[in-house]
PDB file of N, CA and C in Angstrom:
ATOM      1  N   GLY A   1       1.052  -1.133  -0.197  1.00  0.00           N
ATOM      2  CA  GLY A   1       0.408  -0.088  -0.065  1.00  0.00           C
ATOM      3  C   GLY A   1       1.248   1.293  -0.201  1.00  0.00           C
ATOM      4  N   THR A   2       0.165   1.982  -0.245  1.00  0.00           N
ATOM      5  CA  THR A   2       0.874   3.582  -0.115  1.00  0.00           C
ATOM      6  C   THR A   2       0.564   4.599   0.725  1.00  0.00           C
ATOM      7  N   ASN A   3       0.176   3.773   1.963  1.00  0.00           N
ATOM      8  CA  ASN A   3       0.024   4.564   3.655  1.00  0.00           C
ATOM      9  C   ASN A   3       0.919   4.082   4.116  1.00  0.00           C
ATOM     10  N   THR A   4       1.943   4.159   4.039  1.00  0.00           N
ATOM     11  CA  THR A   4       3.432   3.722   4.674  1.00  0.00           C
ATOM     12  C   THR A   4       4.160   4.879   5.080  1.00  0.00           C
ATOM     13  N   PRO A   5       4.983   4.561   6.076  1.00  0.00           N
ATOM     14  CA  PRO A   5       6.472   5.730   6.134  1.00  0.00           C
ATOM     15  C   PRO A   5       7.036   5.554   4.602  1.00  0.00           C
ATOM     16  N   GLU A   6       7.103   4.707   4.951  1.00  0.00           N
ATOM     17  CA  GLU A   6       8.585   4.332   3.332  1.00  0.00           C
ATOM     18  C   GLU A   6       7.624   4.536   2.227  1.00  0.00           C
ATOM     19  N   ALA A   7       6.450   4.663   2.022  1.00  0.00           N
ATOM     20  CA  ALA A   7       5.881   5.101   0.807  1.00  0.00           C
ATOM     21  C   ALA A   7       5.654   7.266   0.857  1.00  0.00           C
ATOM     22  N   HIS A   8       5.767   7.124   1.825  1.00  0.00           N
ATOM     23  CA  HIS A   8       5.493   8.818   2.668  1.00  0.00           C
ATOM     24  C   HIS A   8       6.957   9.143   2.092  1.00  0.00           C
ATOM     25  N   LYS A   9       8.088   8.429   2.689  1.00  0.00           N
ATOM     26  CA  LYS A   9       9.242   8.898   2.113  1.00  0.00           C
ATOM     27  C   LYS A   9       9.742   9.256   0.850  1.00  0.00           C
ATOM     28  N   ILE A  10       9.217   8.447   0.053  1.00  0.00           N
ATOM     29  CA  ILE A  10       9.398   8.374  -1.381  1.00  0.00           C
ATOM     30  C   ILE A  10       8.542   9.553  -2.287  1.00  0.00           C
ATOM     31  N   ALA A  11       6.945   9.639  -1.567  1.00  0.00           N
ATOM     32  CA  ALA A  11       6.517  10.753  -2.293  1.00  0.00           C
ATOM     33  C   ALA A  11       6.741  12.133  -2.047  1.00  0.00           C
ATOM     34  N   SER A  12       7.489  12.403  -0.742  1.00  0.00           N
ATOM     35  CA  SER A  12       7.781  13.876  -0.354  1.00  0.00           C
ATOM     36  C   SER A  12       8.708  13.999  -0.981  1.00  0.00           C
ATOM     37  N   ASN A  13       8.845  15.818  -1.397  1.00  0.00           N
ATOM     38  CA  ASN A  13       9.995  16.419  -1.582  1.00  0.00           C
ATOM     39  C   ASN A  13      10.346  15.757  -2.965  1.00  0.00           C
ATOM     40  N   VAL A  14       9.322  15.205  -3.911  1.00  0.00           N
ATOM     41  CA  VAL A  14       9.842  15.079  -4.815  1.00  0.00           C
ATOM     42  C   VAL A  14       9.141  16.262  -6.071  1.00  0.00           C
ATOM     43  N   THR A  15       9.860  16.138  -7.407  1.00  0.00           N
ATOM     44  CA  THR A  15       9.655  17.281  -8.323  1.00  0.00           C
ATOM     45  C   THR A  15       7.832  16.825  -8.590  1.00  0.00           C
ATOM     46  N   SER A  16       7.565  18.021  -9.632  1.00  0.00           N
ATOM     47  CA  SER A  16       6.025  17.138 -10.366  1.00  0.00           C
ATOM     48  C   SER A  16       6.220  15.902 -11.560  1.00  0.00           C
ATOM     49  N   ASP A  17       7.447  16.049 -11.999  1.00  0.00           N
ATOM     50  CA  ASP A  17       7.782  15.369 -13.051  1.00  0.00           C
ATOM     51  C   ASP A  17       8.006  14.168 -12.182  1.00  0.00           C
ATOM     52  N   GLU A  18       8.741  13.876 -11.459  1.00  0.00           N
ATOM     53  CA  GLU A  18       8.913  12.563 -10.580  1.00  0.00           C
ATOM     54  C   GLU A  18       7.531  11.779 -10.283  1.00  0.00           C
ATOM     55  N   TYR A  19       6.514  12.944  -9.749  1.00  0.00           N
ATOM     56  CA  TYR A  19       5.087  12.673  -8.856  1.00  0.00           C
ATOM     57  C   TYR A  19       4.651  11.912  -9.678  1.00  0.00           C
ATOM     58  N   ALA A  20       4.699  12.452 -11.205  1.00  0.00           N
ATOM     59  CA  ALA A  20       3.914  12.330 -11.829  1.00  0.00           C
ATOM     60  C   ALA A  20       4.008  10.486 -12.464  1.00  0.00           C
ATOM     61  N   SER A  21       5.512  10.360 -12.545  1.00  0.00           N
ATOM     62  CA  SER A  21       5.966   9.010 -12.781  1.00  0.00           C
ATOM     63  C   SER A  21       5.943   7.956 -12.010  1.00  0.00           C
ATOM     64  N   LEU A  22       5.976   8.535 -10.486  1.00  0.00           N
ATOM     65  CA  LEU A  22       5.327   7.857  -9.005  1.00  0.00           C
ATOM     66  C   LEU A  22       4.224   7.303  -9.565  1.00  0.00           C
ATOM     67  N   LEU A  23       3.112   7.920  -9.709  1.00  0.00           N
ATOM     68  CA  LEU A  23       1.996   7.597  -9.923  1.00  0.00           C
ATOM     69  C   LEU A  23       1.619   6.621 -11.456  1.00  0.00           C
ATOM     70  N   ALA A  24       2.454   6.736 -12.326  1.00  0.00           N
ATOM     71  CA  ALA A  24       2.216   6.414 -13.321  1.00  0.00           C
ATOM     72  C   ALA A  24       2.944   4.473 -13.190  1.00  0.00           C
ATOM     73  N   ASN A  25       3.720   4.463 -12.021  1.00  0.00           N
ATOM     74  CA  ASN A  25       4.420   3.132 -12.189  1.00  0.00           C
ATOM     75  C   ASN A  25       3.639   2.726 -10.525  1.00  0.00           C
ATOM     76  N   THR A  26       2.854   3.089 -10.096  1.00  0.00           N
ATOM     77  CA  THR A  26       1.943   2.497  -8.622  1.00  0.00           C
ATOM     78  C   THR A  26       0.745   1.865  -9.175  1.00  0.00           C
ATOM     79  N   PRO A  27       0.677   0.591  -9.015  1.00  0.00           N
ATOM     80  CA  PRO A  27      -0.204   0.115  -8.971  1.00  0.00           C
ATOM     81  C   PRO A  27      -1.900   0.678  -8.468  1.00  0.00           C
ATOM     82  N   ASN A  28      -2.827   0.944  -9.211  1.00  0.00           N
ATOM     83  CA  ASN A  28      -4.007   1.622  -8.742  1.00  0.00           C
ATOM     84  C   ASN A  28      -5.311   1.230  -9.502  1.00  0.00           C
ATOM     85  N   VAL A  29      -6.051   1.704  -9.035  1.00  0.00           N
ATOM     86  CA  VAL A  29      -7.533   1.535  -8.828  1.00  0.00           C
ATOM     87  C   VAL A  29      -8.493   2.346  -9.502  1.00  0.00           C
ATOM     88  N   ASP A  30      -9.462   2.310 -10.476  1.00  0.00           N
ATOM     89  CA  ASP A  30     -10.294   3.420 -10.674  1.00  0.00           C
ATOM     90  C   ASP A  30     -11.610   3.651  -9.834  1.00  0.00           C
ATOM     91  N   ALA A  31     -11.698   4.381  -9.152  1.00  0.00           N
ATOM     92  CA  ALA A  31     -13.130   4.881  -8.338  1.00  0.00           C
ATOM     93  C   ALA A  31     -14.090   5.436  -8.686  1.00  0.00           C
ATOM     94  N   THR A  32     -14.916   4.640  -9.915  1.00  0.00           N
ATOM     95  CA  THR A  32     -15.660   5.405 -11.017  1.00  0.00           C
ATOM     96  C   THR A  32     -16.828   5.587  -9.986  1.00  0.00           C
ATOM     97  N   LEU A  33     -17.548   6.800  -9.623  1.00  0.00           N
ATOM     98  CA  LEU A  33     -18.688   6.741  -8.919  1.00  0.00           C
ATOM     99  C   LEU A  33     -19.850   7.322  -9.930  1.00  0.00           C
ATOM    100  N   LYS A  34     -21.146   7.345  -9.058  1.00  0.00           N
ATOM    101  CA  LYS A  34     -22.710   7.706  -9.839  1.00  0.00           C
ATOM    102  C   LYS A  34     -22.659   8.608  -9.047  1.00  0.00           C
ATOM    103  N   LYS A  35     -23.449   9.831  -9.948  1.00  0.00           N
ATOM    104  CA  LYS A  35     -24.232  10.857  -9.322  1.00  0.00           C
ATOM    105  C   LYS A  35     -24.570  10.462  -7.877  1.00  0.00           C
ATOM    106  N   GLY A  36     -24.140  11.990  -7.319  1.00  0.00           N
ATOM    107  CA  GLY A  36     -24.199  11.553  -5.964  1.00  0.00           C
ATOM    108  C   GLY A  36     -23.942  11.186  -4.728  1.00  0.00           C
ATOM    109  N   HIS A  37     -22.796   9.882  -5.168  1.00  0.00           N
ATOM    110  CA  HIS A  37     -22.000   9.115  -4.213  1.00  0.00           C
ATOM    111  C   HIS A  37     -20.905   9.964  -4.125  1.00  0.00           C
ATOM    112  N   ALA A  38     -20.351   9.345  -2.966  1.00  0.00           N
ATOM    113  CA  ALA A  38     -18.965   9.819  -2.811  1.00  0.00           C
ATOM    114  C   ALA A  38     -17.703   9.530  -1.977  1.00  0.00           C
ATOM    115  N   VAL A  39     -16.341   9.618  -2.164  1.00  0.00           N
ATOM    116  CA  VAL A  39     -15.304   8.513  -1.767  1.00  0.00           C
ATOM    117  C   VAL A  39     -14.811   9.657  -0.385  1.00  0.00           C
ATOM    118  N   VAL A  40     -14.436   9.236   0.967  1.00  0.00           N
ATOM    119  CA  VAL A  40     -13.887   9.401   1.750  1.00  0.00           C
ATOM    120  C   VAL A  40     -12.762   8.728   2.099  1.00  0.00           C
ATOM    121  N   PHE A  41     -11.327   9.414   2.095  1.00  0.00           N
ATOM    122  CA  PHE A  41     -10.260   8.349   2.372  1.00  0.00           C
ATOM    123  C   PHE A  41      -9.075   9.330   2.839  1.00  0.00           C
ATOM    124  N   ASP A  42      -7.977   8.597   3.262  1.00  0.00           N
ATOM    125  CA  ASP A  42      -7.131   8.999   4.271  1.00  0.00           C
ATOM    126  C   ASP A  42      -5.973   9.620   3.348  1.00  0.00           C
ATOM    127  N   SER A  43      -5.905  11.165   3.303  1.00  0.00           N
ATOM    128  CA  SER A  43      -4.827  11.474   2.097  1.00  0.00           C
ATOM    129  C   SER A  43      -3.392  11.710   2.124  1.00  0.00           C
ATOM    130  N   ARG A  44      -3.002  10.790   3.141  1.00  0.00           N
ATOM    131  CA  ARG A  44      -1.337  10.076   2.780  1.00  0.00           C
ATOM    132  C   ARG A  44      -1.609   8.673   2.286  1.00  0.00           C
ATOM    133  N   THR A  45      -2.850   8.201   1.484  1.00  0.00           N
ATOM    134  CA  THR A  45      -3.068   7.838   0.332  1.00  0.00           C
ATOM    135  C   THR A  45      -2.599   7.549  -0.204  1.00  0.00           C
ATOM    136  N   LEU A  46      -1.561   7.496  -1.383  1.00  0.00           N
ATOM    137  CA  LEU A  46      -1.084   8.008  -2.684  1.00  0.00           C
ATOM    138  C   LEU A  46      -2.793   8.065  -3.857  1.00  0.00           C
ATOM    139  N   HIS A  47      -2.941   9.017  -4.074  1.00  0.00           N
ATOM    140  CA  HIS A  47      -4.486   8.975  -4.946  1.00  0.00           C
ATOM    141  C   HIS A  47      -4.325  10.613  -6.200  1.00  0.00           C
ATOM    142  N   ALA A  48      -4.742  10.239  -6.873  1.00  0.00           N
ATOM    143  CA  ALA A  48      -5.075  11.644  -8.174  1.00  0.00           C
ATOM    144  C   ALA A  48      -6.358  11.378  -8.830  1.00  0.00           C
ATOM    145  N   GLY A  49      -6.045  12.640  -9.303  1.00  0.00           N
ATOM    146  CA  GLY A  49      -7.660  12.259  -9.914  1.00  0.00           C
ATOM    147  C   GLY A  49      -8.032  11.759 -11.745  1.00  0.00           C
ATOM    148  N   GLY A  50      -8.187  10.854 -12.333  1.00  0.00           N
ATOM    149  CA  GLY A  50      -8.721  10.813 -13.575  1.00  0.00           C
ATOM    150  C   GLY A  50      -9.269  11.928 -14.673  1.00  0.00           C
ATOM    151  N   ALA A  51      -9.291  11.629 -15.590  1.00  0.00           N
ATOM    152  CA  ALA A  51      -9.788  12.706 -16.143  1.00  0.00           C
ATOM    153  C   ALA A  51     -11.596  11.738 -16.521  1.00  0.00           C
ATOM    154  N   ASN A  52     -12.183  13.155 -16.719  1.00  0.00           N
ATOM    155  CA  ASN A  52     -13.899  12.318 -16.447  1.00  0.00           C
ATOM    156  C   ASN A  52     -13.962  12.308 -17.899  1.00  0.00           C
ATOM    157  N   GLU A  53     -14.370  11.632 -18.202  1.00  0.00           N
ATOM    158  CA  GLU A  53     -14.357  11.556 -20.268  1.00  0.00           C
ATOM    159  C   GLU A  53     -15.978  11.036 -19.979  1.00  0.00           C
ATOM    160  N   ALA A  54     -16.646  10.764 -19.178  1.00  0.00           N
ATOM    161  CA  ALA A  54     -18.224  10.285 -19.572  1.00  0.00           C
ATOM    162  C   ALA A  54     -18.742  12.072 -19.661  1.00  0.00           C
ATOM    163  N   ASN A  55     -19.898  11.789 -21.125  1.00  0.00           N
ATOM    164  CA  ASN A  55     -20.892  13.196 -21.653  1.00  0.00           C
ATOM    165  C   ASN A  55     -19.898  14.184 -21.653  1.00  0.00           C
ATOM    166  N   GLU A  56     -18.796  14.126 -22.430  1.00  0.00           N
ATOM    167  CA  GLU A  56     -18.123  15.390 -22.996  1.00  0.00           C
ATOM    168  C   GLU A  56     -18.854  16.287 -23.155  1.00  0.00           C
ATOM    169  N   GLY A  57     -18.307  17.808 -22.665  1.00  0.00           N
ATOM    170  CA  GLY A  57     -18.667  19.219 -22.734  1.00  0.00           C
ATOM    171  C   GLY A  57     -19.666  19.333 -21.847  1.00  0.00           C
ATOM    172  N   ARG A  58     -20.241  18.186 -21.205  1.00  0.00           N
ATOM    173  CA  ARG A  58     -21.271  18.782 -20.122  1.00  0.00           C
ATOM    174  C   ARG A  58     -20.532  19.436 -18.316  1.00  0.00           C
ATOM    175  N   ARG A  59     -21.113  20.088 -18.030  1.00  0.00           N
ATOM    176  CA  ARG A  59     -20.915  20.823 -16.966  1.00  0.00           C
ATOM    177  C   ARG A  59     -21.081  20.052 -15.588  1.00  0.00           C
ATOM    178  N   ARG A  60     -20.053  20.231 -15.116  1.00  0.00           N
ATOM    179  CA  ARG A  60     -19.801  18.954 -13.532  1.00  0.00           C
ATOM    180  C   ARG A  60     -19.093  20.084 -12.752  1.00  0.00           C
ATOM    181  N   CYS A  61     -20.109  19.164 -10.727  1.00  0.00           N
ATOM    182  CA  CYS A  61     -19.651  19.929 -10.321  1.00  0.00           C
ATOM    183  C   CYS A  61     -18.924  19.246  -9.020  1.00  0.00           C
ATOM    184  N   LEU A  62     -17.601  19.705  -8.624  1.00  0.00           N
ATOM    185  CA  LEU A  62     -17.206  18.705  -7.447  1.00  0.00           C
ATOM    186  C   LEU A  62     -16.879  19.245  -6.233  1.00  0.00           C
ATOM    187  N   LEU A  63     -17.485  18.662  -4.953  1.00  0.00           N
ATOM    188  CA  LEU A  63     -17.232  19.364  -3.983  1.00  0.00           C
ATOM    189  C   LEU A  63     -15.710  18.716  -3.017  1.00  0.00           C
ATOM    190  N   TYR A  64     -14.894  19.238  -2.545  1.00  0.00           N
ATOM    191  CA  TYR A  64     -13.399  18.623  -1.928  1.00  0.00           C
ATOM    192  C   TYR A  64     -13.583  19.640  -1.247  1.00  0.00           C
ATOM    193  N   LEU A  65     -13.262  18.955   0.298  1.00  0.00           N
ATOM    194  CA  LEU A  65     -12.923  18.716   1.748  1.00  0.00           C
ATOM    195  C   LEU A  65     -11.929  18.878   1.987  1.00  0.00           C
ATOM    196  N   SER A  66     -11.249  19.441   2.941  1.00  0.00           N
ATOM    197  CA  SER A  66      -9.819  18.852   3.676  1.00  0.00           C
ATOM    198  C   SER A  66     -10.206  19.624   4.724  1.00  0.00           C
ATOM    199  N   ALA A  67      -9.595  18.136   5.655  1.00  0.00           N
ATOM    200  CA  ALA A  67     -10.129  18.399   6.989  1.00  0.00           C
ATOM    201  C   ALA A  67      -8.431  17.580   7.723  1.00  0.00           C
ATOM    202  N   GLN A  68      -8.107  17.936   8.772  1.00  0.00           N
ATOM    203  CA  GLN A  68      -7.547  17.806   9.392  1.00  0.00           C
ATOM    204  C   GLN A  68      -7.452  17.935  11.009  1.00  0.00           C
ATOM    205  N   GLY A  69      -6.439  16.919  11.522  1.00  0.00           N
ATOM    206  CA  GLY A  69      -7.167  17.097  13.244  1.00  0.00           C
ATOM    207  C   GLY A  69      -5.515  17.119  13.849  1.00  0.00           C
ATOM    208  N   PRO A  70      -5.738  18.186  14.913  1.00  0.00           N
ATOM    209  CA  PRO A  70      -4.486  17.516  15.572  1.00  0.00           C
ATOM    210  C   PRO A  70      -3.290  16.630  16.352  1.00  0.00           C
ATOM    211  N   GLU A  71      -2.212  16.879  16.239  1.00  0.00           N
ATOM    212  CA  GLU A  71      -1.952  15.393  16.272  1.00  0.00           C
ATOM    213  C   GLU A  71      -2.049  15.372  17.949  1.00  0.00           C
ATOM    214  N   GLU A  72      -1.740  13.700  18.345  1.00  0.00           N
ATOM    215  CA  GLU A  72      -2.282  13.275  19.696  1.00  0.00           C
ATOM    216  C   GLU A  72      -1.778  13.610  20.322  1.00  0.00           C
ATOM    217  N   GLY A  73      -2.582  14.634  21.381  1.00  0.00           N
ATOM    218  CA  GLY A  73      -2.021  15.409  22.622  1.00  0.00           C
ATOM    219  C   GLY A  73      -2.185  17.095  22.722  1.00  0.00           C
ATOM    220  N   CYS A  74      -2.062  17.427  21.332  1.00  0.00           N
ATOM    221  CA  CYS A  74      -1.882  18.740  21.060  1.00  0.00           C
ATOM    222  C   CYS A  74      -3.247  19.442  20.469  1.00  0.00           C
ATOM    223  N   THR A  75      -3.348  20.427  20.998  1.00  0.00           N
ATOM    224  CA  THR A  75      -4.803  21.324  20.748  1.00  0.00           C
ATOM    225  C   THR A  75      -5.596  22.307  19.445  1.00  0.00           C
ATOM    226  N   LYS A  76      -4.137  22.076  18.913  1.00  0.00           N
ATOM    227  CA  LYS A  76      -4.682  22.937  17.258  1.00  0.00           C
ATOM    228  C   LYS A  76      -3.691  22.156  16.312  1.00  0.00           C
ATOM    229  N   LEU A  77      -3.531  22.296  15.371  1.00  0.00           N
ATOM    230  CA  LEU A  77      -3.001  22.339  13.704  1.00  0.00           C
ATOM    231  C   LEU A  77      -1.320  22.930  13.792  1.00  0.00           C
ATOM    232  N   PRO A  78      -0.729  21.874  13.720  1.00  0.00           N
ATOM    233  CA  PRO A  78       0.762  22.625  13.141  1.00  0.00           C
ATOM    234  C   PRO A  78       0.686  23.926  11.869  1.00  0.00           C
ATOM    235  N   THR A  79       1.911  24.733  12.813  1.00  0.00           N
ATOM    236  CA  THR A  79       1.895  26.040  12.070  1.00  0.00           C
ATOM    237  C   THR A  79       2.330  25.780  10.637  1.00  0.00           C
ATOM    238  N   SER A  80       2.591  24.640  10.073  1.00  0.00           N
ATOM    239  CA  SER A  80       2.979  24.384   8.711  1.00  0.00           C
ATOM    240  C   SER A  80       3.129  22.830   8.227  1.00  0.00           C
ATOM    241  N   PRO A  81       2.917  22.779   7.193  1.00  0.00           N
ATOM    242  CA  PRO A  81       2.376  21.541   6.692  1.00  0.00           C
ATOM    243  C   PRO A  81       3.282  20.358   7.338  1.00  0.00           C
ATOM    244  N   GLU A  82       3.230  19.035   7.759  1.00  0.00           N
ATOM    245  CA  GLU A  82       3.934  18.074   7.839  1.00  0.00           C
ATOM    246  C   GLU A  82       4.783  17.297   6.305  1.00  0.00           C
ATOM    247  N   ARG A  83       3.952  17.415   5.423  1.00  0.00           N
ATOM    248  CA  ARG A  83       4.206  16.930   4.074  1.00  0.00           C
ATOM    249  C   ARG A  83       4.581  17.843   2.979  1.00  0.00           C
ATOM    250  N   ARG A  84       5.034  18.121   1.695  1.00  0.00           N
ATOM    251  CA  ARG A  84       4.387  18.291   0.868  1.00  0.00           C
ATOM    252  C   ARG A  84       4.884  17.876  -0.270  1.00  0.00           C
ATOM    253  N   THR A  85       4.227  17.343  -0.887  1.00  0.00           N
ATOM    254  CA  THR A  85       4.240  16.585  -2.221  1.00  0.00           C
ATOM    255  C   THR A  85       3.294  17.567  -3.416  1.00  0.00           C
ATOM    256  N   PRO A  86       4.375  17.578  -4.310  1.00  0.00           N
ATOM    257  CA  PRO A  86       3.471  18.381  -5.223  1.00  0.00           C
ATOM    258  C   PRO A  86       2.815  17.394  -6.103  1.00  0.00           C
ATOM    259  N   PRO A  87       1.885  18.319  -7.108  1.00  0.00           N
ATOM    260  CA  PRO A  87       1.820  19.510  -6.695  1.00  0.00           C
ATOM    261  C   PRO A  87       0.847  20.395  -6.306  1.00  0.00           C
ATOM    262  N   ASN A  88      -0.099  19.450  -5.258  1.00  0.00           N
ATOM    263  CA  ASN A  88      -1.057  19.877  -3.994  1.00  0.00           C
ATOM    264  C   ASN A  88      -0.537  19.852  -3.170  1.00  0.00           C
ATOM    265  N   ALA A  89       0.053  20.542  -2.176  1.00  0.00           N
ATOM    266  CA  ALA A  89       1.032  20.779  -1.295  1.00  0.00           C
ATOM    267  C   ALA A  89       0.197  21.507  -0.168  1.00  0.00           C
ATOM    268  N   TYR A  90      -0.805  20.651   0.638  1.00  0.00           N
ATOM    269  CA  TYR A  90      -1.298  21.289   1.905  1.00  0.00           C
ATOM    270  C   TYR A  90      -2.101  22.084   1.513  1.00  0.00           C
ATOM    271  N   SER A  91      -3.805  21.050   1.162  1.00  0.00           N
ATOM    272  CA  SER A  91      -4.941  22.507   0.831  1.00  0.00           C
ATOM    273  C   SER A  91      -5.517  23.682   2.007  1.00  0.00           C
ATOM    274  N   ILE A  92      -5.043  23.271   2.828  1.00  0.00           N
ATOM    275  CA  ILE A  92      -5.837  23.923   4.285  1.00  0.00           C
ATOM    276  C   ILE A  92      -5.443  25.341   3.613  1.00  0.00           C
ATOM    277  N   VAL A  93      -6.172  26.179   3.661  1.00  0.00           N
ATOM    278  CA  VAL A  93      -6.325  27.503   3.346  1.00  0.00           C
ATOM    279  C   VAL A  93      -5.950  28.001   5.068  1.00  0.00           C
ATOM    280  N   PRO A  94      -4.852  28.827   4.369  1.00  0.00           N
ATOM    281  CA  PRO A  94      -4.062  29.442   6.280  1.00  0.00           C
ATOM    282  C   PRO A  94      -5.165  29.987   7.008  1.00  0.00           C
ATOM    283  N   GLU A  95      -5.977  30.499   6.391  1.00  0.00           N
ATOM    284  CA  GLU A  95      -6.758  31.525   6.799  1.00  0.00           C
ATOM    285  C   GLU A  95      -8.104  31.234   7.662  1.00  0.00           C
ATOM    286  N   TYR A  96      -8.060  29.564   7.505  1.00  0.00           N
ATOM    287  CA  TYR A  96      -9.339  28.987   7.968  1.00  0.00           C
ATOM    288  C   TYR A  96      -8.624  27.739   9.182  1.00  0.00           C
ATOM    289  N   ARG A  97      -7.057  27.785   8.770  1.00  0.00           N
ATOM    290  CA  ARG A  97      -6.356  26.780   9.817  1.00  0.00           C
ATOM    291  C   ARG A  97      -7.134  27.167  11.216  1.00  0.00           C
ATOM    292  N   ASN A  98      -7.390  26.110  12.036  1.00  0.00           N
ATOM    293  CA  ASN A  98      -7.858  26.637  13.668  1.00  0.00           C
ATOM    294  C   ASN A  98      -8.852  27.063  13.537  1.00  0.00           C
ATOM    295  N   LYS A  99      -9.475  27.158  12.423  1.00  0.00           N
ATOM    296  CA  LYS A  99     -11.189  28.226  12.617  1.00  0.00           C
ATOM    297  C   LYS A  99     -12.155  27.380  12.656  1.00  0.00           C
ATOM    298  N   LEU A 100     -12.230  26.232  11.611  1.00  0.00           N
ATOM    299  CA  LEU A 100     -13.624  25.614  11.423  1.00  0.00           C
ATOM    300  C   LEU A 100     -13.353  24.626  12.124  1.00  0.00           C
ATOM    301  N   LYS A 101     -14.706  23.786  13.081  1.00  0.00           N
ATOM    302  CA  LYS A 101     -14.463  22.524  13.442  1.00  0.00           C
ATOM    303  C   LYS A 101     -15.013  21.378  12.742  1.00  0.00           C
ATOM    304  N   VAL A 102     -14.926  20.208  12.752  1.00  0.00           N
ATOM    305  CA  VAL A 102     -15.746  19.396  12.452  1.00  0.00           C
ATOM    306  C   VAL A 102     -16.183  17.924  13.507  1.00  0.00           C
ATOM    307  N   ARG A 103     -17.396  18.238  13.685  1.00  0.00           N
ATOM    308  CA  ARG A 103     -17.553  17.148  15.105  1.00  0.00           C
ATOM    309  C   ARG A 103     -17.604  15.569  14.571  1.00  0.00           C
ATOM    310  N   GLU A 104     -16.820  15.019  15.503  1.00  0.00           N
ATOM    311  CA  GLU A 104     -16.822  13.898  15.793  1.00  0.00           C
ATOM    312  C   GLU A 104     -18.297  13.108  15.450  1.00  0.00           C
TER     313      GLU A 104
END
């Protein structure tokens, strides 16, 4: 799997080209969804979006939500990201960090 310390080490601090190569050479599965369906996953799992080829030319809507909890024993999020994987490193907007809460 890709949600391991070894995989994280490989995926961190790589260039966009290296990341593209990593994605191309890692076993993967399609997650084809129907209208109204959702996917929830740990962002530390290696993931990428593919082309949405169905009904070319139609408009599509995508809701993307990032949530992060503080490390165990802490009350706030870290001030900087713990990992930087190009091209989309740390998608939580700084102005919202530690402001909005997702209740368990």
